[in-house]
Amino acid sequence: MKLSAAVSPDAHTTKAKETPTKPPGEKSSKKPQPQTQAVPATTQILMHYLSVSGVRLYLAGAFITVCYQCLNAAHSWWLTQWTSDDSSNSAPSTAALWNVSLYLLITIFNVVSLASQALVFATVGMAASRAIYGSLIRSVLTATVSWIDSTPFGRLYQIIDTDMHLIDDLIAPAFNGILGTVINLGNIIAVRYDSPRTSLLTMLS
């Protein structure tokens, strides 16, 4: 009974001395590292995505997007001209054939430009994701054993599977949406600066 009473205070004191000193230093040194490396890694992936896809494909996609927006505007404009035209009452057969033919032609070109736009941006996304995935697999296969042991398997699986899926589904449509938004803003600015001239001409006439 006396020996157990003498040993137990020593055991409690040694545990009390060991526990407060080690964990705080380890936690403070390990947590800030992934947060500081997240933003440069994301920027590096985006720049690598842009460089791998090629400038020509992006220029082709921008040109096709401009053509699609112009054809879409021409489609709506011709429809308003067709419905507000009074000359079709004099020669209904010839005017109706001309209006329908031109309307169908604009619609066909509109569909072709939309399909070409989707094909170009899909090609851009496939080329970029294939290059990024290949470099990712090569870096994992050539990594050191210490890095593989220190990296959790769930994190590695998330990088290879989930992150690549997000890159394939989000980046290429995001570029397409950005181009469409820029073109729409350009149209709004053009109409804004052109509207005073048209209103002045209508007042003078």
C-alpha atoms as a PDB file:
ATOM      1  CA  MET A   1       0.000   0.000   0.000  1.00  0.00           C
ATOM      2  CA  LYS A   2       2.831   2.421   0.791  1.00  0.00           C
ATOM      3  CA  LEU A   3       4.673   1.591  -2.469  1.00  0.00           C
ATOM      4  CA  SER A   4       1.617   2.167  -4.608  1.00  0.00           C
ATOM      5  CA  ALA A   5       0.980   5.475  -2.904  1.00  0.00           C
ATOM      6  CA  ALA A   6       4.572   6.518  -3.509  1.00  0.00           C
ATOM      7  CA  VAL A   7       4.614   5.541  -7.195  1.00  0.00           C
ATOM      8  CA  SER A   8       1.287   7.015  -8.222  1.00  0.00           C
ATOM      9  CA  PRO A   9       2.181  10.697  -7.558  1.00  0.00           C
ATOM     10  CA  ASP A  10       5.339  10.335  -9.648  1.00  0.00           C
ATOM     11  CA  ALA A  11       3.350   8.856 -12.547  1.00  0.00           C
ATOM     12  CA  HIS A  12       0.789  11.648 -12.464  1.00  0.00           C
ATOM     13  CA  THR A  13       3.451  14.314 -12.284  1.00  0.00           C
ATOM     14  CA  THR A  14       5.368  12.908 -15.248  1.00  0.00           C
ATOM     15  CA  LYS A  15       2.175  12.763 -17.347  1.00  0.00           C
ATOM     16  CA  ALA A  16       1.276  16.313 -16.371  1.00  0.00           C
ATOM     17  CA  LYS A  17       4.739  17.518 -17.384  1.00  0.00           C
ATOM     18  CA  GLU A  18       4.818  15.734 -20.749  1.00  0.00           C
ATOM     19  CA  THR A  19       1.382  16.527 -22.179  1.00  0.00           C
ATOM     20  CA  PRO A  20       1.264  20.371 -22.260  1.00  0.00           C
ATOM     21  CA  THR A  21       4.621  20.883 -24.000  1.00  0.00           C
ATOM     22  CA  LYS A  22       4.493  18.845 -27.258  1.00  0.00           C
ATOM     23  CA  PRO A  23       1.099  19.186 -28.999  1.00  0.00           C
ATOM     24  CA  PRO A  24       0.786  23.004 -29.220  1.00  0.00           C
ATOM     25  CA  GLY A  25       4.109  23.398 -31.012  1.00  0.00           C
ATOM     26  CA  GLU A  26       3.328  20.639 -33.497  1.00  0.00           C
ATOM     27  CA  LYS A  27      -0.162  21.927 -34.366  1.00  0.00           C
ATOM     28  CA  SER A  28       0.933  25.522 -34.881  1.00  0.00           C
ATOM     29  CA  SER A  29       3.726  24.498 -37.262  1.00  0.00           C
ATOM     30  CA  LYS A  30       1.667  22.153 -39.476  1.00  0.00           C
ATOM     31  CA  LYS A  31      -1.668  23.912 -39.996  1.00  0.00           C
ATOM     32  CA  PRO A  32      -0.748  27.110 -41.883  1.00  0.00           C
ATOM     33  CA  GLN A  33       1.155  25.292 -44.677  1.00  0.00           C
ATOM     34  CA  PRO A  34      -1.758  23.983 -46.790  1.00  0.00           C
ATOM     35  CA  GLN A  35      -3.568  27.350 -46.608  1.00  0.00           C
ATOM     36  CA  THR A  36      -0.577  29.295 -47.945  1.00  0.00           C
ATOM     37  CA  GLN A  37      -0.012  26.814 -50.764  1.00  0.00           C
ATOM     38  CA  ALA A  38      -3.642  26.649 -51.962  1.00  0.00           C
ATOM     39  CA  VAL A  39      -3.818  29.937 -53.903  1.00  0.00           C
ATOM     40  CA  PRO A  40      -0.495  29.568 -55.811  1.00  0.00           C
ATOM     41  CA  ALA A  41      -1.400  25.977 -56.709  1.00  0.00           C
ATOM     42  CA  THR A  42      -4.799  27.035 -58.094  1.00  0.00           C
ATOM     43  CA  THR A  43      -3.248  29.877 -60.114  1.00  0.00           C
ATOM     44  CA  GLN A  44      -0.582  27.541 -61.443  1.00  0.00           C
ATOM     45  CA  ILE A  45      -3.209  25.007 -62.550  1.00  0.00           C
ATOM     46  CA  LEU A  46      -5.241  27.691 -64.347  1.00  0.00           C
ATOM     47  CA  MET A  47      -2.188  29.085 -66.144  1.00  0.00           C
ATOM     48  CA  HIS A  48      -1.131  25.572 -67.119  1.00  0.00           C
ATOM     49  CA  TYR A  49      -4.660  24.927 -68.379  1.00  0.00           C
ATOM     50  CA  LEU A  50      -4.515  28.021 -70.591  1.00  0.00           C
ATOM     51  CA  SER A  51      -1.034  27.272 -71.918  1.00  0.00           C
ATOM     52  CA  VAL A  52      -1.751  23.635 -72.761  1.00  0.00           C
ATOM     53  CA  SER A  53      -4.989  24.293 -74.666  1.00  0.00           C
ATOM     54  CA  GLY A  54      -3.375  26.625 -77.177  1.00  0.00           C
ATOM     55  CA  VAL A  55      -4.130  30.172 -78.246  1.00  0.00           C
ATOM     56  CA  ARG A  56      -5.530  29.165 -81.640  1.00  0.00           C
ATOM     57  CA  LEU A  57      -8.392  27.194 -80.172  1.00  0.00           C
ATOM     58  CA  TYR A  58      -9.340  30.068 -77.885  1.00  0.00           C
ATOM     59  CA  LEU A  59      -9.258  32.515 -80.807  1.00  0.00           C
ATOM     60  CA  ALA A  60     -11.385  30.143 -82.866  1.00  0.00           C
ATOM     61  CA  GLY A  61     -13.827  29.795 -79.983  1.00  0.00           C
ATOM     62  CA  ALA A  62     -14.007  33.574 -79.561  1.00  0.00           C
ATOM     63  CA  PHE A  63     -14.616  34.078 -83.295  1.00  0.00           C
ATOM     64  CA  ILE A  64     -17.354  31.436 -83.379  1.00  0.00           C
ATOM     65  CA  THR A  65     -18.952  32.969 -80.281  1.00  0.00           C
ATOM     66  CA  VAL A  66     -19.026  36.388 -81.964  1.00  0.00           C
ATOM     67  CA  CYS A  67     -20.568  34.832 -85.089  1.00  0.00           C
ATOM     68  CA  TYR A  68     -23.187  33.069 -82.992  1.00  0.00           C
ATOM     69  CA  GLN A  69     -24.167  36.255 -81.183  1.00  0.00           C
ATOM     70  CA  CYS A  70     -24.381  38.183 -84.472  1.00  0.00           C
ATOM     71  CA  LEU A  71     -26.505  35.470 -86.066  1.00  0.00           C
ATOM     72  CA  ASN A  72     -28.743  35.385 -83.020  1.00  0.00           C
ATOM     73  CA  ALA A  73     -29.264  39.140 -83.268  1.00  0.00           C
ATOM     74  CA  ALA A  74     -29.882  38.864 -87.029  1.00  0.00           C
ATOM     75  CA  HIS A  75     -32.401  36.103 -86.364  1.00  0.00           C
ATOM     76  CA  SER A  76     -34.438  38.323 -84.052  1.00  0.00           C
ATOM     77  CA  TRP A  77     -34.039  41.378 -86.287  1.00  0.00           C
ATOM     78  CA  TRP A  78     -35.252  39.589 -89.400  1.00  0.00           C
ATOM     79  CA  LEU A  79     -38.239  38.204 -87.526  1.00  0.00           C
ATOM     80  CA  THR A  80     -39.290  41.719 -86.521  1.00  0.00           C
ATOM     81  CA  GLN A  81     -38.759  42.973 -90.074  1.00  0.00           C
ATOM     82  CA  TRP A  82     -40.790  40.117 -91.458  1.00  0.00           C
ATOM     83  CA  THR A  83     -43.742  40.663 -89.148  1.00  0.00           C
ATOM     84  CA  SER A  84     -43.754  44.450 -89.640  1.00  0.00           C
ATOM     85  CA  ASP A  85     -43.359  44.381 -93.444  1.00  0.00           C
ATOM     86  CA  ASP A  86     -46.407  45.693 -95.343  1.00  0.00           C
ATOM     87  CA  SER A  87     -45.180  44.721 -98.813  1.00  0.00           C
ATOM     88  CA  SER A  88     -46.188  41.086 -98.283  1.00  0.00           C
ATOM     89  CA  ASN A  89     -49.837  42.042 -98.716  1.00  0.00           C
ATOM     90  CA  SER A  90     -49.300  43.037-102.366  1.00  0.00           C
ATOM     91  CA  ALA A  91     -47.520  39.835-103.451  1.00  0.00           C
ATOM     92  CA  PRO A  92     -48.069  37.276-100.705  1.00  0.00           C
ATOM     93  CA  SER A  93     -46.600  34.216-102.410  1.00  0.00           C
ATOM     94  CA  THR A  94     -43.246  35.748-103.450  1.00  0.00           C
ATOM     95  CA  ALA A  95     -42.742  37.733-100.242  1.00  0.00           C
ATOM     96  CA  ALA A  96     -43.643  34.803 -98.001  1.00  0.00           C
ATOM     97  CA  LEU A  97     -41.256  32.478 -99.858  1.00  0.00           C
ATOM     98  CA  TRP A  98     -38.426  34.993 -99.586  1.00  0.00           C
ATOM     99  CA  ASN A  99     -39.056  35.674 -95.908  1.00  0.00           C
ATOM    100  CA  VAL A 100     -39.282  32.002 -94.983  1.00  0.00           C
ATOM    101  CA  SER A 101     -36.177  31.095 -97.000  1.00  0.00           C
ATOM    102  CA  LEU A 102     -34.045  33.789 -95.400  1.00  0.00           C
ATOM    103  CA  TYR A 103     -35.385  32.977 -91.947  1.00  0.00           C
ATOM    104  CA  LEU A 104     -34.527  29.282 -92.383  1.00  0.00           C
ATOM    105  CA  LEU A 105     -31.066  30.143 -93.716  1.00  0.00           C
ATOM    106  CA  ILE A 106     -30.269  32.310 -90.698  1.00  0.00           C
ATOM    107  CA  THR A 107     -31.586  29.565 -88.400  1.00  0.00           C
ATOM    108  CA  ILE A 108     -29.374  26.922 -90.045  1.00  0.00           C
ATOM    109  CA  PHE A 109     -26.257  29.093 -89.719  1.00  0.00           C
ATOM    110  CA  ASN A 110     -27.196  29.808 -86.115  1.00  0.00           C
ATOM    111  CA  VAL A 111     -27.434  26.106 -85.294  1.00  0.00           C
ATOM    112  CA  VAL A 112     -24.142  25.355 -87.081  1.00  0.00           C
ATOM    113  CA  SER A 113     -22.331  28.113 -85.186  1.00  0.00           C
ATOM    114  CA  LEU A 114     -23.742  26.897 -81.864  1.00  0.00           C
ATOM    115  CA  ALA A 115     -22.623  23.315 -82.573  1.00  0.00           C
ATOM    116  CA  SER A 116     -19.174  24.522 -83.657  1.00  0.00           C
ATOM    117  CA  GLN A 117     -18.863  26.582 -80.498  1.00  0.00           C
ATOM    118  CA  ALA A 118     -19.670  23.584 -78.301  1.00  0.00           C
ATOM    119  CA  LEU A 119     -17.241  21.393 -80.276  1.00  0.00           C
ATOM    120  CA  VAL A 120     -14.363  23.863 -80.016  1.00  0.00           C
ATOM    121  CA  PHE A 121     -14.715  24.372 -76.277  1.00  0.00           C
ATOM    122  CA  ALA A 122     -15.087  20.624 -75.727  1.00  0.00           C
ATOM    123  CA  THR A 123     -11.837  20.095 -77.668  1.00  0.00           C
ATOM    124  CA  VAL A 124     -10.123  22.746 -75.546  1.00  0.00           C
ATOM    125  CA  GLY A 125     -11.295  21.097 -72.334  1.00  0.00           C
ATOM    126  CA  MET A 126     -10.268  17.596 -73.427  1.00  0.00           C
ATOM    127  CA  ALA A 127      -6.779  18.684 -74.501  1.00  0.00           C
ATOM    128  CA  ALA A 128      -6.145  20.630 -71.309  1.00  0.00           C
ATOM    129  CA  SER A 129      -7.518  18.011 -68.934  1.00  0.00           C
ATOM    130  CA  ARG A 130      -5.574  15.235 -70.683  1.00  0.00           C
ATOM    131  CA  ALA A 131      -2.306  17.134 -70.318  1.00  0.00           C
ATOM    132  CA  ILE A 132      -2.977  18.052 -66.676  1.00  0.00           C
ATOM    133  CA  TYR A 133      -4.006  14.503 -65.820  1.00  0.00           C
ATOM    134  CA  GLY A 134      -0.894  13.072 -67.490  1.00  0.00           C
ATOM    135  CA  SER A 135       1.421  15.429 -65.607  1.00  0.00           C
ATOM    136  CA  LEU A 136      -0.411  14.656 -62.356  1.00  0.00           C
ATOM    137  CA  ILE A 137      -0.017  10.902 -62.792  1.00  0.00           C
ATOM    138  CA  ARG A 138       3.664  11.280 -63.703  1.00  0.00           C
ATOM    139  CA  SER A 139       4.320  13.421 -60.638  1.00  0.00           C
ATOM    140  CA  VAL A 140       2.582  10.880 -58.391  1.00  0.00           C
ATOM    141  CA  LEU A 141       4.446   7.913 -59.892  1.00  0.00           C
ATOM    142  CA  THR A 142       7.824   9.655 -59.606  1.00  0.00           C
ATOM    143  CA  ALA A 143       7.204  10.963 -56.074  1.00  0.00           C
ATOM    144  CA  THR A 144       9.337   9.914 -53.142  1.00  0.00           C
ATOM    145  CA  VAL A 145       8.261   7.240 -50.703  1.00  0.00           C
ATOM    146  CA  SER A 146       8.243   9.715 -47.814  1.00  0.00           C
ATOM    147  CA  TRP A 147       5.735  11.933 -49.649  1.00  0.00           C
ATOM    148  CA  ILE A 148       3.479   8.946 -50.390  1.00  0.00           C
ATOM    149  CA  ASP A 149       3.628   7.859 -46.747  1.00  0.00           C
ATOM    150  CA  SER A 150       2.863  11.359 -45.449  1.00  0.00           C
ATOM    151  CA  THR A 151      -0.041  12.002 -47.875  1.00  0.00           C
ATOM    152  CA  PRO A 152      -3.378  10.413 -46.900  1.00  0.00           C
ATOM    153  CA  PHE A 153      -4.874   8.075 -49.470  1.00  0.00           C
ATOM    154  CA  GLY A 154      -8.214   9.894 -49.367  1.00  0.00           C
ATOM    155  CA  ARG A 155      -6.544  13.187 -50.273  1.00  0.00           C
ATOM    156  CA  LEU A 156      -4.667  11.549 -53.146  1.00  0.00           C
ATOM    157  CA  TYR A 157      -7.851   9.948 -54.445  1.00  0.00           C
ATOM    158  CA  GLN A 158      -9.667  13.287 -54.215  1.00  0.00           C
ATOM    159  CA  ILE A 159      -6.975  15.034 -56.259  1.00  0.00           C
ATOM    160  CA  ILE A 160      -6.974  12.388 -59.006  1.00  0.00           C
ATOM    161  CA  ASP A 161     -10.723  11.793 -59.228  1.00  0.00           C
ATOM    162  CA  THR A 162     -12.810  14.661 -57.847  1.00  0.00           C
ATOM    163  CA  ASP A 163     -10.589  17.638 -58.702  1.00  0.00           C
ATOM    164  CA  MET A 164     -10.055  16.488 -62.289  1.00  0.00           C
ATOM    165  CA  HIS A 165     -13.806  16.013 -62.658  1.00  0.00           C
ATOM    166  CA  LEU A 166     -14.366  19.587 -61.484  1.00  0.00           C
ATOM    167  CA  ILE A 167     -11.749  20.873 -63.931  1.00  0.00           C
ATOM    168  CA  ASP A 168     -13.426  19.077 -66.838  1.00  0.00           C
ATOM    169  CA  ASP A 169     -16.923  20.273 -65.933  1.00  0.00           C
ATOM    170  CA  LEU A 170     -16.294  23.857 -64.835  1.00  0.00           C
ATOM    171  CA  ILE A 171     -13.332  25.537 -66.528  1.00  0.00           C
ATOM    172  CA  ALA A 172     -14.239  25.147 -70.226  1.00  0.00           C
ATOM    173  CA  PRO A 173     -17.914  26.191 -69.774  1.00  0.00           C
ATOM    174  CA  ALA A 174     -16.717  29.077 -67.601  1.00  0.00           C
ATOM    175  CA  PHE A 175     -14.559  30.406 -70.445  1.00  0.00           C
ATOM    176  CA  ASN A 176     -17.501  30.070 -72.806  1.00  0.00           C
ATOM    177  CA  GLY A 177     -19.725  31.985 -70.407  1.00  0.00           C
ATOM    178  CA  ILE A 178     -17.102  34.715 -69.959  1.00  0.00           C
ATOM    179  CA  LEU A 179     -16.855  35.209 -73.729  1.00  0.00           C
ATOM    180  CA  GLY A 180     -20.635  35.395 -74.049  1.00  0.00           C
ATOM    181  CA  THR A 181     -20.843  37.918 -71.216  1.00  0.00           C
ATOM    182  CA  VAL A 182     -18.135  40.124 -72.745  1.00  0.00           C
ATOM    183  CA  ILE A 183     -19.890  40.086 -76.124  1.00  0.00           C
ATOM    184  CA  ASN A 184     -23.241  40.937 -74.539  1.00  0.00           C
ATOM    185  CA  LEU A 185     -21.648  43.841 -72.680  1.00  0.00           C
ATOM    186  CA  GLY A 186     -20.167  45.043 -75.962  1.00  0.00           C
ATOM    187  CA  ASN A 187     -23.591  44.925 -77.572  1.00  0.00           C
ATOM    188  CA  ILE A 188     -25.107  46.913 -74.703  1.00  0.00           C
ATOM    189  CA  ILE A 189     -22.373  49.561 -74.955  1.00  0.00           C
ATOM    190  CA  ALA A 190     -22.793  49.780 -78.735  1.00  0.00           C
ATOM    191  CA  VAL A 191     -26.551  50.213 -78.429  1.00  0.00           C
ATOM    192  CA  ARG A 192     -26.081  52.772 -75.662  1.00  0.00           C
ATOM    193  CA  TYR A 193     -23.780  54.942 -77.770  1.00  0.00           C
ATOM    194  CA  ASP A 194     -25.825  54.449 -80.931  1.00  0.00           C
ATOM    195  CA  SER A 195     -29.225  55.276 -79.404  1.00  0.00           C
ATOM    196  CA  PRO A 196     -28.679  59.088 -79.180  1.00  0.00           C
ATOM    197  CA  ARG A 197     -27.826  59.171 -82.888  1.00  0.00           C
ATOM    198  CA  THR A 198     -30.894  57.201 -83.894  1.00  0.00           C
ATOM    199  CA  SER A 199     -33.145  59.302 -81.675  1.00  0.00           C
ATOM    200  CA  LEU A 200     -31.677  62.496 -83.178  1.00  0.00           C
ATOM    201  CA  LEU A 201     -32.274  61.204 -86.706  1.00  0.00           C
ATOM    202  CA  THR A 202     -35.884  60.352 -85.911  1.00  0.00           C
ATOM    203  CA  MET A 203     -36.449  63.836 -84.469  1.00  0.00           C
ATOM    204  CA  LEU A 204     -34.948  65.512 -87.549  1.00  0.00           C
ATOM    205  CA  SER A 205     -36.927  63.383 -89.958  1.00  0.00           C
END
